[in-house]
Amino acid sequence: LRRAVAVTVTTTPTNAPPATVATTKVASLQAFDQPSPSAKVVTTLTAKTAYLQPRTLLAVGVQPGWFQVLLPIQPNGTKGWVRASDVTTTTTDYQVHVVLSSHHLTLVKAGKPVLGTAVVIGKHETPTPTGLFYVTDPVDLQAAPNGPYGAFALGLSGFSNVLPSFDGGPPQIAVHGTPYADQIGQDLSNGCVRIPNAIVLMLAKTVPLGTPVVISA
């Protein structure tokens, strides 16, 4: 059984540039399929998420007056253009990397791994989706840390590729805690990434909304 540990890892830094994070400042945020107000509207997003978090998006492109963003809708990977005037922007040096084949999560800051842990991933029938996602919904669950989502859940912009819904709502995936250390390293979840409670609390204190989460095979 792999043990979950917080580690400083010695590897070659990726030197990734800081990610640009866009947060809406309008009540209804329109995303277009091209950087033009006359283009087709891909989706319209509310100012807050279902978990009452500020609507925050990961920017993946830029044009004068516009940001191309990853949208927290299905199918995974859907992009749209939002007006620069409709959002405020910040940057983050943090990224979360999950490698499914090695059942491992690494928190990276400015290209340098600073935290690592073994993880639980999705079952064969409900695999954890791969791709680029970002943190949308931090949910503090420390009042009931032994529940199914552990002490904290970091809801992501992605969704299960096989479940049409989950627990009465959309099949949103998350990185969340678990009190069951003996399950770490196995394929047991409905698509979420589970990590030990102690580690998810460290992660939650560190990563801001919009932090990129790269899940690879």
N, C-alpha and C. Protein backbone atom coordinates (compact mmCIF):
# COMPACT_ATOMS: atom_id res chain seq x y z
N LEU A 1 0.85 -1.20 0.00
CA LEU A 1 0.00 0.00 0.00
C LEU A 1 0.88 1.24 0.00
N ARG A 2 0.60 2.15 -0.91
CA ARG A 2 1.36 3.39 -0.93
C ARG A 2 0.96 4.25 0.26
N ARG A 3 1.93 4.84 0.90
CA ARG A 3 1.63 5.71 2.02
C ARG A 3 1.49 7.14 1.52
N ALA A 4 0.54 7.87 2.05
CA ALA A 4 0.31 9.25 1.65
C ALA A 4 1.24 10.15 2.44
N VAL A 5 2.01 10.93 1.75
CA VAL A 5 2.97 11.79 2.44
C VAL A 5 3.01 13.16 1.80
N ALA A 6 3.30 14.16 2.62
CA ALA A 6 3.57 15.50 2.11
C ALA A 6 5.07 15.56 1.85
N VAL A 7 5.45 15.90 0.64
CA VAL A 7 6.84 15.80 0.28
C VAL A 7 7.28 16.98 -0.57
N THR A 8 8.56 17.25 -0.51
CA THR A 8 9.19 18.11 -1.49
C THR A 8 9.92 17.19 -2.45
N VAL A 9 9.54 17.22 -3.72
CA VAL A 9 10.02 16.27 -4.70
C VAL A 9 11.12 16.91 -5.54
N THR A 10 12.18 16.17 -5.75
CA THR A 10 13.27 16.67 -6.58
C THR A 10 13.10 16.15 -8.00
N THR A 11 12.56 17.01 -8.86
CA THR A 11 12.40 16.67 -10.27
C THR A 11 12.74 17.92 -11.08
N THR A 12 12.76 17.76 -12.39
CA THR A 12 13.02 18.90 -13.25
C THR A 12 11.80 19.81 -13.29
N PRO A 13 11.93 21.09 -12.90
CA PRO A 13 10.79 21.99 -12.93
C PRO A 13 10.23 22.14 -14.35
N THR A 14 8.93 22.32 -14.44
CA THR A 14 8.31 22.49 -15.75
C THR A 14 8.38 23.95 -16.21
N ASN A 15 8.63 24.88 -15.26
CA ASN A 15 8.70 26.30 -15.58
C ASN A 15 7.44 26.79 -16.29
N ALA A 16 6.30 26.26 -15.88
CA ALA A 16 5.04 26.69 -16.46
C ALA A 16 4.75 28.12 -16.05
N PRO A 17 4.25 28.95 -16.96
CA PRO A 17 3.90 30.32 -16.59
C PRO A 17 2.71 30.32 -15.64
N PRO A 18 2.55 31.38 -14.86
CA PRO A 18 1.39 31.44 -13.98
C PRO A 18 0.09 31.34 -14.77
N ALA A 19 -0.89 30.70 -14.18
CA ALA A 19 -2.20 30.59 -14.82
C ALA A 19 -3.00 31.86 -14.57
N THR A 20 -3.78 32.26 -15.56
CA THR A 20 -4.66 33.43 -15.41
C THR A 20 -6.05 32.95 -15.03
N VAL A 21 -6.57 33.53 -13.99
CA VAL A 21 -7.87 33.15 -13.44
C VAL A 21 -8.81 34.35 -13.60
N ALA A 22 -9.99 34.10 -14.15
CA ALA A 22 -10.97 35.16 -14.40
C ALA A 22 -12.19 34.94 -13.51
N THR A 23 -12.58 35.97 -12.78
CA THR A 23 -13.75 35.90 -11.90
C THR A 23 -14.80 36.89 -12.38
N THR A 24 -16.03 36.44 -12.54
CA THR A 24 -17.07 37.31 -13.08
C THR A 24 -17.37 38.48 -12.14
N LYS A 25 -17.68 39.61 -12.74
CA LYS A 25 -18.14 40.76 -11.96
C LYS A 25 -19.50 41.24 -12.45
N VAL A 26 -20.17 40.36 -13.22
CA VAL A 26 -21.52 40.66 -13.70
C VAL A 26 -22.47 39.56 -13.24
N ALA A 27 -23.75 39.88 -13.21
CA ALA A 27 -24.74 38.92 -12.70
C ALA A 27 -24.89 37.72 -13.62
N SER A 28 -24.81 37.96 -14.94
CA SER A 28 -24.91 36.88 -15.92
C SER A 28 -23.72 37.00 -16.87
N LEU A 29 -22.89 35.99 -16.89
CA LEU A 29 -21.69 36.02 -17.70
C LEU A 29 -21.91 35.22 -18.98
N GLN A 30 -21.88 35.90 -20.11
CA GLN A 30 -22.04 35.22 -21.38
C GLN A 30 -20.69 34.76 -21.91
N ALA A 31 -20.67 33.53 -22.42
CA ALA A 31 -19.48 32.99 -23.07
C ALA A 31 -19.83 32.71 -24.53
N PHE A 32 -19.02 33.22 -25.43
CA PHE A 32 -19.28 33.13 -26.87
C PHE A 32 -18.31 32.15 -27.52
N ASP A 33 -18.70 31.65 -28.69
CA ASP A 33 -17.82 30.69 -29.37
C ASP A 33 -16.70 31.38 -30.15
N GLN A 34 -16.78 32.69 -30.28
CA GLN A 34 -15.74 33.51 -30.89
C GLN A 34 -15.61 34.80 -30.09
N PRO A 35 -14.46 35.49 -30.17
CA PRO A 35 -14.30 36.73 -29.42
C PRO A 35 -15.03 37.90 -30.09
N SER A 36 -16.36 37.80 -30.09
CA SER A 36 -17.19 38.82 -30.71
C SER A 36 -18.56 38.81 -30.07
N PRO A 37 -19.14 39.97 -29.76
CA PRO A 37 -20.48 40.00 -29.15
C PRO A 37 -21.57 39.52 -30.08
N SER A 38 -21.27 39.41 -31.39
CA SER A 38 -22.26 38.91 -32.33
C SER A 38 -22.13 37.41 -32.56
N ALA A 39 -21.16 36.78 -31.89
CA ALA A 39 -20.95 35.34 -32.05
C ALA A 39 -22.01 34.55 -31.28
N LYS A 40 -22.05 33.25 -31.52
CA LYS A 40 -22.99 32.38 -30.84
C LYS A 40 -22.65 32.29 -29.35
N VAL A 41 -23.68 32.34 -28.52
CA VAL A 41 -23.49 32.19 -27.08
C VAL A 41 -23.39 30.70 -26.75
N VAL A 42 -22.28 30.31 -26.18
CA VAL A 42 -22.08 28.91 -25.79
C VAL A 42 -22.87 28.60 -24.54
N THR A 43 -22.78 29.48 -23.56
CA THR A 43 -23.52 29.31 -22.31
C THR A 43 -23.55 30.65 -21.58
N THR A 44 -24.48 30.77 -20.64
CA THR A 44 -24.55 31.93 -19.76
C THR A 44 -24.43 31.43 -18.33
N LEU A 45 -23.49 31.99 -17.59
CA LEU A 45 -23.19 31.52 -16.24
C LEU A 45 -23.64 32.54 -15.20
N THR A 46 -24.14 32.03 -14.09
CA THR A 46 -24.52 32.89 -12.97
C THR A 46 -23.27 33.40 -12.25
N ALA A 47 -23.46 34.42 -11.43
CA ALA A 47 -22.33 35.04 -10.73
C ALA A 47 -21.75 34.14 -9.65
N LYS A 48 -22.55 33.19 -9.17
CA LYS A 48 -22.08 32.25 -8.16
C LYS A 48 -22.39 30.82 -8.60
N THR A 49 -21.60 29.89 -8.10
CA THR A 49 -21.81 28.48 -8.42
C THR A 49 -22.94 27.92 -7.55
N ALA A 50 -23.28 26.68 -7.78
CA ALA A 50 -24.31 26.02 -6.97
C ALA A 50 -23.90 25.94 -5.50
N TYR A 51 -22.59 26.04 -5.24
CA TYR A 51 -22.08 26.02 -3.86
C TYR A 51 -21.82 27.42 -3.35
N LEU A 52 -22.36 28.42 -4.05
CA LEU A 52 -22.29 29.83 -3.66
C LEU A 52 -20.86 30.39 -3.67
N GLN A 53 -20.02 29.82 -4.49
CA GLN A 53 -18.68 30.34 -4.68
C GLN A 53 -18.67 31.35 -5.83
N PRO A 54 -17.79 32.35 -5.79
CA PRO A 54 -17.69 33.27 -6.92
C PRO A 54 -17.40 32.51 -8.21
N ARG A 55 -18.07 32.87 -9.27
CA ARG A 55 -17.89 32.17 -10.55
C ARG A 55 -16.49 32.48 -11.10
N THR A 56 -15.64 31.49 -11.05
CA THR A 56 -14.24 31.65 -11.39
C THR A 56 -13.88 30.68 -12.50
N LEU A 57 -13.16 31.17 -13.49
CA LEU A 57 -12.85 30.40 -14.69
C LEU A 57 -11.35 30.44 -14.97
N LEU A 58 -10.85 29.39 -15.59
CA LEU A 58 -9.45 29.33 -15.98
C LEU A 58 -9.31 29.84 -17.41
N ALA A 59 -8.50 30.87 -17.59
CA ALA A 59 -8.26 31.42 -18.92
C ALA A 59 -7.21 30.58 -19.64
N VAL A 60 -7.49 30.28 -20.91
CA VAL A 60 -6.56 29.48 -21.71
C VAL A 60 -6.15 30.22 -22.99
N GLY A 61 -6.69 31.41 -23.21
CA GLY A 61 -6.33 32.21 -24.37
C GLY A 61 -6.73 33.65 -24.17
N VAL A 62 -6.19 34.54 -24.98
CA VAL A 62 -6.51 35.96 -24.84
C VAL A 62 -6.48 36.63 -26.21
N GLN A 63 -7.42 37.54 -26.40
CA GLN A 63 -7.46 38.44 -27.54
C GLN A 63 -7.77 39.82 -26.99
N PRO A 64 -7.46 40.88 -27.70
CA PRO A 64 -7.79 42.21 -27.17
C PRO A 64 -9.24 42.32 -26.75
N GLY A 65 -9.45 42.60 -25.47
CA GLY A 65 -10.80 42.75 -24.94
C GLY A 65 -11.50 41.47 -24.58
N TRP A 66 -10.81 40.31 -24.74
CA TRP A 66 -11.46 39.03 -24.52
C TRP A 66 -10.52 38.04 -23.85
N PHE A 67 -11.12 37.11 -23.09
CA PHE A 67 -10.40 35.95 -22.57
C PHE A 67 -11.11 34.69 -23.03
N GLN A 68 -10.33 33.72 -23.51
CA GLN A 68 -10.89 32.40 -23.77
C GLN A 68 -10.75 31.60 -22.48
N VAL A 69 -11.84 30.96 -22.05
CA VAL A 69 -11.86 30.27 -20.78
C VAL A 69 -12.38 28.85 -20.95
N LEU A 70 -11.93 27.98 -20.05
CA LEU A 70 -12.54 26.66 -19.93
C LEU A 70 -13.85 26.83 -19.18
N LEU A 71 -14.90 26.22 -19.70
CA LEU A 71 -16.21 26.39 -19.10
C LEU A 71 -16.57 25.19 -18.22
N PRO A 72 -17.20 25.44 -17.08
CA PRO A 72 -17.57 24.35 -16.17
C PRO A 72 -18.88 23.70 -16.57
N ILE A 73 -18.93 23.23 -17.83
CA ILE A 73 -20.13 22.60 -18.37
C ILE A 73 -19.73 21.34 -19.12
N GLN A 74 -20.71 20.53 -19.43
CA GLN A 74 -20.47 19.33 -20.22
C GLN A 74 -20.65 19.65 -21.71
N PRO A 75 -19.85 19.01 -22.59
CA PRO A 75 -18.80 18.04 -22.28
C PRO A 75 -17.53 18.70 -21.75
N ASN A 76 -16.72 17.91 -21.07
CA ASN A 76 -15.46 18.41 -20.55
C ASN A 76 -14.62 19.01 -21.68
N GLY A 77 -13.92 20.08 -21.35
CA GLY A 77 -13.06 20.71 -22.34
C GLY A 77 -13.73 21.79 -23.17
N THR A 78 -15.03 22.03 -22.94
CA THR A 78 -15.72 23.08 -23.68
C THR A 78 -15.14 24.45 -23.33
N LYS A 79 -14.88 25.25 -24.35
CA LYS A 79 -14.30 26.58 -24.16
C LYS A 79 -15.24 27.65 -24.66
N GLY A 80 -15.02 28.86 -24.21
CA GLY A 80 -15.78 30.02 -24.68
C GLY A 80 -14.99 31.28 -24.45
N TRP A 81 -15.46 32.34 -25.08
CA TRP A 81 -14.81 33.66 -24.94
C TRP A 81 -15.70 34.56 -24.09
N VAL A 82 -15.09 35.21 -23.10
CA VAL A 82 -15.82 36.16 -22.26
C VAL A 82 -15.19 37.53 -22.41
N ARG A 83 -16.01 38.55 -22.27
CA ARG A 83 -15.50 39.92 -22.36
C ARG A 83 -14.55 40.20 -21.18
N ALA A 84 -13.44 40.82 -21.49
CA ALA A 84 -12.50 41.18 -20.42
C ALA A 84 -13.16 42.15 -19.43
N SER A 85 -14.07 42.96 -19.92
CA SER A 85 -14.74 43.94 -19.05
C SER A 85 -15.72 43.28 -18.09
N ASP A 86 -16.05 42.00 -18.32
CA ASP A 86 -17.00 41.30 -17.45
C ASP A 86 -16.32 40.54 -16.32
N VAL A 87 -14.99 40.54 -16.31
CA VAL A 87 -14.28 39.74 -15.31
C VAL A 87 -13.13 40.54 -14.70
N THR A 88 -12.72 40.09 -13.53
CA THR A 88 -11.46 40.54 -12.95
C THR A 88 -10.49 39.36 -13.04
N THR A 89 -9.20 39.66 -13.15
CA THR A 89 -8.23 38.58 -13.32
C THR A 89 -7.17 38.60 -12.23
N THR A 90 -6.73 37.41 -11.90
CA THR A 90 -5.60 37.20 -11.01
C THR A 90 -4.76 36.10 -11.63
N THR A 91 -3.64 35.79 -11.00
CA THR A 91 -2.82 34.68 -11.47
C THR A 91 -2.49 33.78 -10.29
N THR A 92 -2.15 32.53 -10.61
CA THR A 92 -1.70 31.59 -9.59
C THR A 92 -0.53 30.78 -10.13
N ASP A 93 0.44 30.55 -9.26
CA ASP A 93 1.60 29.72 -9.62
C ASP A 93 1.34 28.24 -9.34
N TYR A 94 0.19 27.93 -8.74
CA TYR A 94 -0.08 26.54 -8.34
C TYR A 94 -0.75 25.76 -9.46
N GLN A 95 -0.42 24.48 -9.52
CA GLN A 95 -1.13 23.51 -10.35
C GLN A 95 -1.21 22.20 -9.57
N VAL A 96 -2.26 21.47 -9.83
CA VAL A 96 -2.41 20.13 -9.26
C VAL A 96 -2.31 19.13 -10.40
N HIS A 97 -1.46 18.13 -10.24
CA HIS A 97 -1.30 17.10 -11.26
C HIS A 97 -1.71 15.75 -10.66
N VAL A 98 -2.57 15.05 -11.35
CA VAL A 98 -2.99 13.71 -10.94
C VAL A 98 -2.64 12.74 -12.07
N VAL A 99 -1.89 11.72 -11.75
CA VAL A 99 -1.53 10.68 -12.72
C VAL A 99 -2.27 9.41 -12.30
N LEU A 100 -3.23 9.01 -13.11
CA LEU A 100 -4.08 7.89 -12.74
C LEU A 100 -3.32 6.57 -12.68
N SER A 101 -2.41 6.35 -13.61
CA SER A 101 -1.71 5.07 -13.67
C SER A 101 -0.84 4.83 -12.44
N SER A 102 -0.36 5.90 -11.83
CA SER A 102 0.46 5.75 -10.63
C SER A 102 -0.31 6.09 -9.35
N HIS A 103 -1.59 6.40 -9.49
CA HIS A 103 -2.43 6.74 -8.32
C HIS A 103 -1.74 7.81 -7.47
N HIS A 104 -1.36 8.90 -8.12
CA HIS A 104 -0.58 9.90 -7.40
C HIS A 104 -1.01 11.31 -7.76
N LEU A 105 -1.06 12.16 -6.75
CA LEU A 105 -1.35 13.58 -6.90
C LEU A 105 -0.14 14.38 -6.46
N THR A 106 0.18 15.41 -7.23
CA THR A 106 1.28 16.30 -6.88
C THR A 106 0.80 17.74 -6.98
N LEU A 107 1.07 18.52 -5.95
CA LEU A 107 0.85 19.96 -5.99
C LEU A 107 2.15 20.62 -6.43
N VAL A 108 2.06 21.45 -7.46
CA VAL A 108 3.22 22.10 -8.04
C VAL A 108 3.09 23.60 -7.86
N LYS A 109 4.17 24.25 -7.46
CA LYS A 109 4.21 25.71 -7.38
C LYS A 109 5.36 26.21 -8.23
N ALA A 110 5.03 27.04 -9.24
CA ALA A 110 6.03 27.61 -10.14
C ALA A 110 6.92 26.52 -10.72
N GLY A 111 6.31 25.39 -11.08
CA GLY A 111 7.05 24.30 -11.70
C GLY A 111 7.74 23.36 -10.74
N LYS A 112 7.65 23.64 -9.45
CA LYS A 112 8.35 22.81 -8.46
C LYS A 112 7.34 22.03 -7.61
N PRO A 113 7.42 20.71 -7.61
CA PRO A 113 6.52 19.92 -6.75
C PRO A 113 6.76 20.23 -5.27
N VAL A 114 5.68 20.50 -4.55
CA VAL A 114 5.80 20.85 -3.13
C VAL A 114 5.00 19.94 -2.22
N LEU A 115 4.11 19.11 -2.79
CA LEU A 115 3.27 18.25 -1.97
C LEU A 115 2.87 17.06 -2.81
N GLY A 116 2.88 15.87 -2.22
CA GLY A 116 2.48 14.69 -2.98
C GLY A 116 1.74 13.69 -2.12
N THR A 117 0.88 12.91 -2.74
CA THR A 117 0.15 11.89 -2.02
C THR A 117 -0.34 10.81 -2.98
N ALA A 118 -0.46 9.61 -2.50
CA ALA A 118 -1.17 8.57 -3.24
C ALA A 118 -2.67 8.85 -3.14
N VAL A 119 -3.44 8.32 -4.11
CA VAL A 119 -4.85 8.67 -4.20
C VAL A 119 -5.70 7.46 -4.53
N VAL A 120 -6.99 7.61 -4.28
CA VAL A 120 -8.03 6.72 -4.80
C VAL A 120 -8.56 7.35 -6.08
N ILE A 121 -8.77 6.52 -7.13
CA ILE A 121 -9.34 7.03 -8.37
C ILE A 121 -10.61 6.25 -8.70
N GLY A 122 -11.21 6.56 -9.85
CA GLY A 122 -12.46 5.95 -10.23
C GLY A 122 -12.36 4.48 -10.54
N LYS A 123 -13.46 3.78 -10.31
CA LYS A 123 -13.57 2.37 -10.68
C LYS A 123 -13.55 2.23 -12.19
N HIS A 124 -13.39 0.98 -12.65
CA HIS A 124 -13.40 0.72 -14.09
C HIS A 124 -14.70 1.20 -14.73
N GLU A 125 -15.82 1.01 -14.03
CA GLU A 125 -17.12 1.38 -14.58
C GLU A 125 -17.35 2.89 -14.54
N THR A 126 -16.69 3.58 -13.62
CA THR A 126 -16.87 5.03 -13.45
C THR A 126 -15.49 5.68 -13.36
N PRO A 127 -14.75 5.69 -14.47
CA PRO A 127 -13.37 6.16 -14.42
C PRO A 127 -13.26 7.67 -14.17
N THR A 128 -12.17 8.05 -13.58
CA THR A 128 -11.85 9.46 -13.42
C THR A 128 -11.51 10.05 -14.79
N PRO A 129 -12.19 11.11 -15.21
CA PRO A 129 -11.90 11.67 -16.54
C PRO A 129 -10.53 12.34 -16.57
N THR A 130 -9.92 12.32 -17.73
CA THR A 130 -8.64 12.99 -17.92
C THR A 130 -8.86 14.33 -18.63
N GLY A 131 -7.88 15.22 -18.47
CA GLY A 131 -7.96 16.51 -19.13
C GLY A 131 -7.52 17.63 -18.20
N LEU A 132 -7.73 18.85 -18.67
CA LEU A 132 -7.42 20.05 -17.89
C LEU A 132 -8.71 20.55 -17.25
N PHE A 133 -8.67 20.70 -15.93
CA PHE A 133 -9.79 21.21 -15.17
C PHE A 133 -9.28 22.31 -14.23
N TYR A 134 -10.14 22.79 -13.35
CA TYR A 134 -9.71 23.79 -12.37
C TYR A 134 -10.66 23.78 -11.19
N VAL A 135 -10.19 24.34 -10.08
CA VAL A 135 -10.95 24.34 -8.84
C VAL A 135 -12.08 25.37 -8.94
N THR A 136 -13.30 24.91 -8.71
CA THR A 136 -14.47 25.79 -8.76
C THR A 136 -15.19 25.92 -7.42
N ASP A 137 -15.14 24.87 -6.59
CA ASP A 137 -16.01 24.83 -5.41
C ASP A 137 -15.33 24.21 -4.20
N PRO A 138 -14.55 24.99 -3.44
CA PRO A 138 -14.05 24.46 -2.18
C PRO A 138 -15.17 24.37 -1.15
N VAL A 139 -15.32 23.19 -0.57
CA VAL A 139 -16.39 22.96 0.40
C VAL A 139 -15.79 22.40 1.68
N ASP A 140 -15.92 23.16 2.75
CA ASP A 140 -15.37 22.77 4.05
C ASP A 140 -16.31 21.77 4.73
N LEU A 141 -15.80 20.57 4.98
CA LEU A 141 -16.60 19.51 5.59
C LEU A 141 -16.01 19.04 6.92
N GLN A 142 -15.23 19.90 7.56
CA GLN A 142 -14.53 19.49 8.78
C GLN A 142 -15.48 19.19 9.93
N ALA A 143 -16.72 19.65 9.83
CA ALA A 143 -17.69 19.33 10.87
C ALA A 143 -18.06 17.85 10.86
N ALA A 144 -17.85 17.19 9.72
CA ALA A 144 -18.14 15.75 9.61
C ALA A 144 -17.05 15.10 8.77
N PRO A 145 -15.82 15.06 9.29
CA PRO A 145 -14.68 14.62 8.48
C PRO A 145 -14.68 13.14 8.12
N ASN A 146 -15.54 12.36 8.76
CA ASN A 146 -15.60 10.93 8.45
C ASN A 146 -16.69 10.57 7.47
N GLY A 147 -17.29 11.59 6.83
CA GLY A 147 -18.31 11.36 5.83
C GLY A 147 -17.70 10.91 4.50
N PRO A 148 -18.54 10.70 3.49
CA PRO A 148 -18.06 10.16 2.22
C PRO A 148 -17.09 11.07 1.48
N TYR A 149 -17.09 12.37 1.82
CA TYR A 149 -16.19 13.30 1.12
C TYR A 149 -15.06 13.79 2.02
N GLY A 150 -14.92 13.16 3.18
CA GLY A 150 -13.83 13.51 4.06
C GLY A 150 -13.97 14.89 4.67
N ALA A 151 -12.83 15.49 4.99
CA ALA A 151 -12.82 16.76 5.72
C ALA A 151 -12.98 17.97 4.81
N PHE A 152 -12.76 17.78 3.51
CA PHE A 152 -12.83 18.92 2.59
C PHE A 152 -13.01 18.37 1.18
N ALA A 153 -13.72 19.11 0.36
CA ALA A 153 -13.86 18.75 -1.05
C ALA A 153 -13.52 19.96 -1.91
N LEU A 154 -12.74 19.72 -2.93
CA LEU A 154 -12.42 20.75 -3.91
C LEU A 154 -13.14 20.37 -5.21
N GLY A 155 -14.33 20.92 -5.38
CA GLY A 155 -15.07 20.65 -6.60
C GLY A 155 -14.34 21.21 -7.81
N LEU A 156 -14.37 20.45 -8.91
CA LEU A 156 -13.66 20.83 -10.12
C LEU A 156 -14.64 21.20 -11.24
N SER A 157 -14.08 21.72 -12.31
CA SER A 157 -14.90 22.15 -13.45
C SER A 157 -15.33 21.00 -14.33
N GLY A 158 -14.86 19.79 -14.05
CA GLY A 158 -15.14 18.64 -14.91
C GLY A 158 -16.26 17.75 -14.38
N PHE A 159 -16.66 16.82 -15.23
CA PHE A 159 -17.77 15.92 -14.94
C PHE A 159 -17.42 14.50 -15.37
N SER A 160 -18.08 13.55 -14.74
CA SER A 160 -17.94 12.17 -15.18
C SER A 160 -18.36 12.04 -16.64
N ASN A 161 -17.61 11.23 -17.36
CA ASN A 161 -17.96 10.98 -18.77
C ASN A 161 -18.98 9.85 -18.93
N VAL A 162 -19.32 9.18 -17.85
CA VAL A 162 -20.22 8.02 -17.96
C VAL A 162 -21.50 8.15 -17.13
N LEU A 163 -21.48 8.94 -16.08
CA LEU A 163 -22.67 9.09 -15.25
C LEU A 163 -23.50 10.28 -15.74
N PRO A 164 -24.78 10.09 -16.00
CA PRO A 164 -25.62 11.21 -16.43
C PRO A 164 -25.92 12.18 -15.30
N SER A 165 -25.90 11.68 -14.08
CA SER A 165 -26.14 12.51 -12.90
C SER A 165 -25.55 11.78 -11.71
N PHE A 166 -25.48 12.51 -10.59
CA PHE A 166 -24.98 11.86 -9.37
C PHE A 166 -25.62 12.51 -8.16
N ASP A 167 -26.22 11.70 -7.31
CA ASP A 167 -26.82 12.16 -6.06
C ASP A 167 -27.82 13.29 -6.30
N GLY A 168 -28.56 13.17 -7.40
CA GLY A 168 -29.59 14.15 -7.69
C GLY A 168 -29.14 15.40 -8.40
N GLY A 169 -27.85 15.49 -8.73
CA GLY A 169 -27.34 16.67 -9.41
C GLY A 169 -26.40 16.28 -10.52
N PRO A 170 -25.69 17.25 -11.09
CA PRO A 170 -24.74 16.93 -12.15
C PRO A 170 -23.59 16.08 -11.62
N PRO A 171 -22.98 15.26 -12.47
CA PRO A 171 -21.92 14.35 -12.03
C PRO A 171 -20.55 15.05 -11.94
N GLN A 172 -20.52 16.14 -11.18
CA GLN A 172 -19.29 16.93 -11.02
C GLN A 172 -18.23 16.12 -10.29
N ILE A 173 -17.00 16.20 -10.76
CA ILE A 173 -15.92 15.51 -10.08
C ILE A 173 -15.24 16.45 -9.08
N ALA A 174 -14.48 15.87 -8.18
CA ALA A 174 -13.82 16.64 -7.15
C ALA A 174 -12.55 15.93 -6.70
N VAL A 175 -11.68 16.68 -6.09
CA VAL A 175 -10.61 16.11 -5.27
C VAL A 175 -11.09 16.28 -3.84
N HIS A 176 -11.31 15.19 -3.14
CA HIS A 176 -11.84 15.32 -1.78
C HIS A 176 -11.16 14.36 -0.83
N GLY A 177 -11.41 14.59 0.42
CA GLY A 177 -10.77 13.80 1.46
C GLY A 177 -11.40 12.44 1.64
N THR A 178 -10.73 11.64 2.43
CA THR A 178 -11.27 10.35 2.87
C THR A 178 -10.65 10.01 4.21
N PRO A 179 -11.43 9.45 5.13
CA PRO A 179 -10.86 9.00 6.40
C PRO A 179 -10.30 7.59 6.32
N TYR A 180 -10.43 6.95 5.15
CA TYR A 180 -10.08 5.53 5.04
C TYR A 180 -8.71 5.37 4.39
N ALA A 181 -7.68 5.40 5.21
CA ALA A 181 -6.32 5.33 4.71
C ALA A 181 -6.04 4.02 3.99
N ASP A 182 -6.74 2.95 4.37
CA ASP A 182 -6.48 1.65 3.76
C ASP A 182 -6.98 1.56 2.33
N GLN A 183 -7.78 2.54 1.89
CA GLN A 183 -8.28 2.53 0.52
C GLN A 183 -7.36 3.25 -0.46
N ILE A 184 -6.42 4.02 0.06
CA ILE A 184 -5.56 4.82 -0.80
C ILE A 184 -4.77 3.91 -1.75
N GLY A 185 -4.71 4.33 -3.02
CA GLY A 185 -4.00 3.56 -4.03
C GLY A 185 -4.90 2.63 -4.83
N GLN A 186 -6.20 2.65 -4.54
CA GLN A 186 -7.12 1.73 -5.22
C GLN A 186 -8.06 2.47 -6.18
N ASP A 187 -8.78 1.68 -6.98
CA ASP A 187 -9.77 2.22 -7.92
C ASP A 187 -11.16 1.95 -7.35
N LEU A 188 -11.71 2.93 -6.64
CA LEU A 188 -12.93 2.68 -5.88
C LEU A 188 -14.01 3.74 -6.07
N SER A 189 -13.67 4.89 -6.60
CA SER A 189 -14.61 6.01 -6.57
C SER A 189 -15.54 6.04 -7.78
N ASN A 190 -16.48 6.97 -7.76
CA ASN A 190 -17.38 7.19 -8.88
C ASN A 190 -16.78 8.15 -9.90
N GLY A 191 -15.50 8.46 -9.76
CA GLY A 191 -14.81 9.36 -10.68
C GLY A 191 -14.00 10.42 -9.97
N CYS A 192 -14.32 10.66 -8.70
CA CYS A 192 -13.56 11.64 -7.94
C CYS A 192 -12.18 11.10 -7.56
N VAL A 193 -11.31 12.02 -7.17
CA VAL A 193 -9.99 11.68 -6.66
C VAL A 193 -10.04 11.87 -5.15
N ARG A 194 -9.80 10.79 -4.42
CA ARG A 194 -9.83 10.86 -2.95
C ARG A 194 -8.41 10.87 -2.42
N ILE A 195 -8.18 11.74 -1.44
CA ILE A 195 -6.87 11.80 -0.79
C ILE A 195 -7.08 11.86 0.72
N PRO A 196 -6.05 11.51 1.50
CA PRO A 196 -6.22 11.50 2.95
C PRO A 196 -6.67 12.86 3.49
N ASN A 197 -7.47 12.84 4.55
CA ASN A 197 -8.00 14.07 5.12
C ASN A 197 -6.90 15.08 5.46
N ALA A 198 -5.81 14.62 6.04
CA ALA A 198 -4.75 15.55 6.43
C ALA A 198 -4.17 16.27 5.22
N ILE A 199 -4.08 15.55 4.10
CA ILE A 199 -3.51 16.14 2.90
C ILE A 199 -4.51 17.07 2.21
N VAL A 200 -5.78 16.70 2.17
CA VAL A 200 -6.76 17.56 1.51
C VAL A 200 -6.89 18.88 2.25
N LEU A 201 -6.73 18.87 3.57
CA LEU A 201 -6.78 20.13 4.32
C LEU A 201 -5.59 21.02 3.99
N MET A 202 -4.43 20.43 3.81
CA MET A 202 -3.26 21.19 3.40
C MET A 202 -3.47 21.77 2.00
N LEU A 203 -4.03 20.96 1.11
CA LEU A 203 -4.28 21.41 -0.26
C LEU A 203 -5.29 22.55 -0.27
N ALA A 204 -6.35 22.39 0.49
CA ALA A 204 -7.41 23.39 0.51
C ALA A 204 -6.93 24.74 1.04
N LYS A 205 -6.00 24.72 1.97
CA LYS A 205 -5.46 25.97 2.51
C LYS A 205 -4.54 26.68 1.54
N THR A 206 -4.11 25.97 0.50
CA THR A 206 -3.06 26.48 -0.38
C THR A 206 -3.56 26.95 -1.72
N VAL A 207 -4.45 26.18 -2.36
CA VAL A 207 -4.81 26.48 -3.75
C VAL A 207 -6.01 27.43 -3.82
N PRO A 208 -5.93 28.47 -4.64
CA PRO A 208 -7.08 29.38 -4.80
C PRO A 208 -8.07 28.86 -5.83
N LEU A 209 -9.22 29.48 -5.86
CA LEU A 209 -10.19 29.22 -6.93
C LEU A 209 -9.51 29.40 -8.28
N GLY A 210 -9.83 28.53 -9.23
CA GLY A 210 -9.27 28.63 -10.55
C GLY A 210 -7.96 27.90 -10.73
N THR A 211 -7.42 27.29 -9.67
CA THR A 211 -6.16 26.57 -9.80
C THR A 211 -6.30 25.44 -10.81
N PRO A 212 -5.40 25.37 -11.81
CA PRO A 212 -5.48 24.29 -12.79
C PRO A 212 -5.27 22.92 -12.16
N VAL A 213 -6.04 21.95 -12.62
CA VAL A 213 -5.92 20.57 -12.20
C VAL A 213 -5.78 19.71 -13.46
N VAL A 214 -4.61 19.12 -13.64
CA VAL A 214 -4.34 18.32 -14.83
C VAL A 214 -4.43 16.86 -14.43
N ILE A 215 -5.38 16.14 -15.01
CA ILE A 215 -5.55 14.72 -14.75
C ILE A 215 -5.13 13.96 -16.00
N SER A 216 -4.10 13.13 -15.86
CA SER A 216 -3.58 12.39 -17.01
C SER A 216 -3.62 10.90 -16.74
N ALA A 217 -3.61 10.14 -17.83
CA ALA A 217 -3.67 8.69 -17.70
C ALA A 217 -2.41 8.14 -17.09
